[in-house]
Amino acid sequence: MTIKPLSDRVVTKPVEVEETTKSGIILTAAAKEKPQVAEVVAVGPGAHNKDGALIPMTVKVGDRVLCNKYAGTEVKLDGIDYSIVGLSDILAIVE
């Protein structure tokens, strides 16, 4: 099964974070925060402006992006966690 986002939605997959801090402290699952960096898995076609013209998406599949901390809808498909976020919830492309 695949997810095909509509309008200006983007499907992201969280990027795994390190299990230890820089000082060597191992983090438990409860101590970890939701990752804000994610990889773009699928991109919708874009939104239409009030004149009906298509506004192109500014991200593409494979980009690593920084998202709002509590943005999007989390879904699990075939055992993999994804988030579906609006383009406005993506803050930056991480290079």
Protein backbone atom coordinates (compact mmCIF):
# COMPACT_ATOMS: atom_id res chain seq x y z
CA MET A 1 0.00 0.00 0.00
CA THR A 2 1.17 3.55 -0.68
CA ILE A 3 0.10 6.96 0.54
CA LYS A 4 -0.60 9.61 -2.10
CA PRO A 5 -1.09 13.02 -0.46
CA LEU A 6 -3.63 15.49 -1.79
CA SER A 7 -3.35 19.25 -2.33
CA ASP A 8 -0.39 20.79 -0.45
CA ARG A 9 0.15 17.85 1.91
CA VAL A 10 3.47 16.06 2.40
CA VAL A 11 4.08 12.54 3.74
CA THR A 12 7.17 12.37 5.95
CA LYS A 13 9.01 9.64 7.78
CA PRO A 14 10.85 10.58 10.99
CA VAL A 15 14.63 10.43 10.85
CA GLU A 16 16.07 8.21 13.58
CA VAL A 17 17.81 10.18 16.31
CA GLU A 18 20.83 9.06 18.26
CA GLU A 19 20.20 7.01 21.38
CA THR A 20 22.86 8.79 23.45
CA THR A 21 23.59 12.41 24.26
CA LYS A 22 26.91 14.08 23.42
CA SER A 23 28.07 13.44 26.99
CA GLY A 24 27.36 9.70 26.62
CA ILE A 25 24.06 9.47 28.52
CA ILE A 26 21.78 6.81 27.04
CA LEU A 27 18.21 8.02 26.54
CA THR A 28 15.22 5.84 27.31
CA ALA A 29 12.18 5.84 25.03
CA ALA A 30 10.27 7.99 27.54
CA ALA A 31 13.00 10.66 27.58
CA LYS A 32 13.08 11.10 23.82
CA GLU A 33 11.17 13.92 22.19
CA LYS A 34 9.30 13.56 18.95
CA PRO A 35 11.86 14.10 16.17
CA GLN A 36 11.41 17.30 14.21
CA VAL A 37 13.64 16.29 11.29
CA ALA A 38 11.94 14.02 8.77
CA GLU A 39 12.48 12.68 5.29
CA VAL A 40 9.93 13.50 2.60
CA VAL A 41 8.39 10.29 1.24
CA ALA A 42 5.59 11.67 -0.96
CA VAL A 43 4.42 15.11 -2.08
CA GLY A 44 0.98 16.26 -3.19
CA PRO A 45 0.46 18.19 -6.44
CA GLY A 46 0.18 21.59 -4.72
CA ALA A 47 -2.62 23.95 -3.76
CA HIS A 48 -4.59 26.28 -6.00
CA ASN A 49 -4.69 30.02 -5.38
CA LYS A 50 -7.91 32.01 -5.52
CA ASP A 51 -7.50 32.49 -9.28
CA GLY A 52 -7.27 28.72 -9.80
CA ALA A 53 -3.56 28.62 -10.68
CA LEU A 54 -1.56 25.73 -9.23
CA ILE A 55 1.06 26.78 -6.67
CA PRO A 56 3.98 24.34 -7.02
CA MET A 57 5.43 22.51 -4.02
CA THR A 58 8.77 23.69 -2.65
CA VAL A 59 9.87 20.28 -1.33
CA LYS A 60 10.51 17.04 -3.18
CA VAL A 61 10.79 13.36 -2.32
CA GLY A 62 14.07 12.66 -0.52
CA ASP A 63 14.43 16.11 1.08
CA ARG A 64 15.13 16.24 4.80
CA VAL A 65 12.88 18.82 6.39
CA LEU A 66 12.35 20.47 9.76
CA CYS A 67 8.68 20.38 10.83
CA ASN A 68 6.67 22.04 13.58
CA LYS A 69 6.96 19.95 16.72
CA TYR A 70 3.31 18.88 16.98
CA ALA A 71 2.32 19.21 13.33
CA GLY A 72 0.53 16.71 11.18
CA THR A 73 -1.38 13.50 11.51
CA GLU A 74 0.52 10.37 12.44
CA VAL A 75 -0.31 7.16 10.57
CA LYS A 76 1.18 3.67 10.61
CA LEU A 77 1.28 1.72 7.36
CA ASP A 78 2.90 -1.69 6.95
CA GLY A 79 4.59 -1.23 10.35
CA ILE A 80 6.23 2.10 9.44
CA ASP A 81 5.31 5.39 11.13
CA TYR A 82 4.55 8.34 8.84
CA SER A 83 3.27 11.87 9.37
CA ILE A 84 1.08 13.75 6.92
CA VAL A 85 1.77 17.47 7.25
CA GLY A 86 0.69 20.56 5.38
CA LEU A 87 3.33 22.48 3.47
CA SER A 88 2.86 25.38 5.91
CA ASP A 89 4.01 23.09 8.78
CA ILE A 90 7.41 22.57 7.14
CA LEU A 91 9.80 25.18 8.47
CA ALA A 92 12.97 24.48 6.50
CA ILE A 93 14.87 22.06 4.28
CA VAL A 94 17.87 20.57 6.09
CA GLU A 95 20.96 20.35 3.88
